Amino acid sequence: MIKLKIKSGDTVKVIAGDHKGSEGKVLKVDREKNRATVEGVNMVKKHTKPSATNPQGGIVEKEAPIHISNLSLLDPKTNETTRVGYEERDGKKVRFSKKSKEVL
């Protein structure tokens, strides 16, 4: 398993694929499949049977996971895409933006 530089809660931009250019917040990260679910990106329609929780059933729209390589982290300061670095500050390992050198 590789080290992922994107965590849930991060704001990312899609840099490749059908949803290129769209931005959103990471809801969930699957480290085994190298995929992340991003809010409002890669929406799919899922047909659901009626159940106790959803007695109506029908078609539900939800986010599908997108590959990590198609995502780039957004710098909170400049709102541009950036790479992630790791360094030790005050005896703690932190993630920082390579563009603005700000801790993420």
Protein backbone atom coordinates (compact mmCIF):
# COMPACT_ATOMS: atom_id res chain seq x y z
CA MET A 1 0.00 0.00 0.00
CA ILE A 2 1.37 3.40 -0.99
CA LYS A 3 1.32 6.55 1.13
CA LEU A 4 -1.57 8.78 0.05
CA LYS A 5 -1.23 12.54 0.25
CA ILE A 6 -4.97 13.19 0.22
CA LYS A 7 -7.09 12.77 3.35
CA SER A 8 -10.81 13.04 3.98
CA GLY A 9 -11.83 16.63 4.61
CA ASP A 10 -9.35 18.04 2.08
CA THR A 11 -10.55 20.25 -0.78
CA VAL A 12 -9.41 18.82 -4.12
CA LYS A 13 -9.67 19.60 -7.82
CA VAL A 14 -10.18 16.96 -10.52
CA ILE A 15 -7.29 17.28 -13.00
CA ALA A 16 -8.17 14.47 -15.44
CA GLY A 17 -11.16 12.52 -16.71
CA ASP A 18 -14.81 13.33 -17.39
CA HIS A 19 -15.14 15.66 -14.40
CA LYS A 20 -11.95 17.65 -15.06
CA GLY A 21 -12.04 21.11 -13.47
CA SER A 22 -14.63 20.37 -10.80
CA GLU A 23 -13.78 20.90 -7.14
CA GLY A 24 -15.10 19.35 -3.96
CA LYS A 25 -14.43 18.08 -0.47
CA VAL A 26 -13.11 14.54 0.02
CA LEU A 27 -15.73 12.49 1.86
CA LYS A 28 -13.97 9.12 2.03
CA VAL A 29 -10.61 7.61 0.99
CA ASP A 30 -10.14 3.92 0.07
CA ARG A 31 -6.42 3.24 0.57
CA GLU A 32 -6.55 -0.32 -0.79
CA LYS A 33 -8.06 0.71 -4.15
CA ASN A 34 -6.34 4.16 -4.30
CA ARG A 35 -9.68 5.89 -4.73
CA ALA A 36 -11.46 8.80 -3.08
CA THR A 37 -15.09 9.87 -2.97
CA VAL A 38 -15.45 13.60 -3.66
CA GLU A 39 -18.57 15.61 -2.83
CA GLY A 40 -20.60 16.42 -5.98
CA VAL A 41 -18.12 14.77 -8.37
CA ASN A 42 -18.64 11.56 -10.42
CA MET A 43 -22.36 11.32 -9.64
CA VAL A 44 -23.99 8.00 -10.60
CA LYS A 45 -27.61 6.86 -10.56
CA LYS A 46 -28.22 3.78 -8.42
CA HIS A 47 -31.46 1.82 -8.68
CA THR A 48 -32.63 0.79 -5.21
CA LYS A 49 -35.28 -1.72 -4.15
CA PRO A 50 -37.86 -0.61 -1.60
CA SER A 51 -36.63 -1.34 1.95
CA ALA A 52 -37.45 -0.42 5.54
CA THR A 53 -35.16 2.64 5.40
CA ASN A 54 -36.32 3.68 1.92
CA PRO A 55 -39.91 2.39 1.46
CA GLN A 56 -40.33 4.18 -1.88
CA GLY A 57 -37.24 2.72 -3.60
CA GLY A 58 -36.40 4.24 -6.98
CA ILE A 59 -33.34 5.92 -8.45
CA VAL A 60 -30.83 7.51 -6.07
CA GLU A 61 -27.97 9.77 -7.17
CA LYS A 62 -24.73 9.33 -5.24
CA GLU A 63 -21.01 9.97 -5.59
CA ALA A 64 -18.83 7.19 -6.99
CA PRO A 65 -15.12 6.92 -6.07
CA ILE A 66 -12.55 8.51 -8.38
CA HIS A 67 -8.89 7.49 -8.69
CA ILE A 68 -6.40 9.43 -6.54
CA SER A 69 -4.15 10.15 -9.55
CA ASN A 70 -6.95 12.26 -11.07
CA LEU A 71 -7.11 14.53 -8.01
CA SER A 72 -4.91 17.42 -6.92
CA LEU A 73 -5.02 19.14 -3.55
CA LEU A 74 -6.12 22.79 -3.43
CA ASP A 75 -3.98 25.23 -1.47
CA PRO A 76 -6.18 26.87 1.20
CA LYS A 77 -4.33 30.21 0.87
CA THR A 78 -4.12 30.68 -2.93
CA ASN A 79 -6.95 28.29 -3.99
CA GLU A 80 -4.65 26.76 -6.64
CA THR A 81 -3.58 23.15 -7.05
CA THR A 82 -0.46 22.23 -5.10
CA ARG A 83 1.75 19.29 -4.22
CA VAL A 84 2.09 18.02 -0.66
CA GLY A 85 5.29 17.83 1.35
CA TYR A 86 6.06 16.46 4.79
CA GLU A 87 8.41 17.97 7.34
CA GLU A 88 8.93 18.19 11.08
CA ARG A 89 7.77 21.39 12.76
CA ASP A 90 7.91 21.77 16.55
CA GLY A 91 8.72 18.05 16.90
CA LYS A 92 5.61 17.01 14.95
CA LYS A 93 5.41 15.63 11.39
CA VAL A 94 3.08 17.88 9.37
CA ARG A 95 1.77 18.12 5.81
CA PHE A 96 2.47 21.39 4.03
CA SER A 97 1.66 22.99 0.70
CA LYS A 98 4.64 23.17 -1.65
CA LYS A 99 3.31 26.43 -3.17
CA SER A 100 2.62 28.53 -0.08
CA LYS A 101 4.63 26.49 2.48
CA GLU A 102 1.52 26.63 4.71
CA VAL A 103 0.61 23.72 7.01
CA LEU A 104 -2.45 21.80 5.80
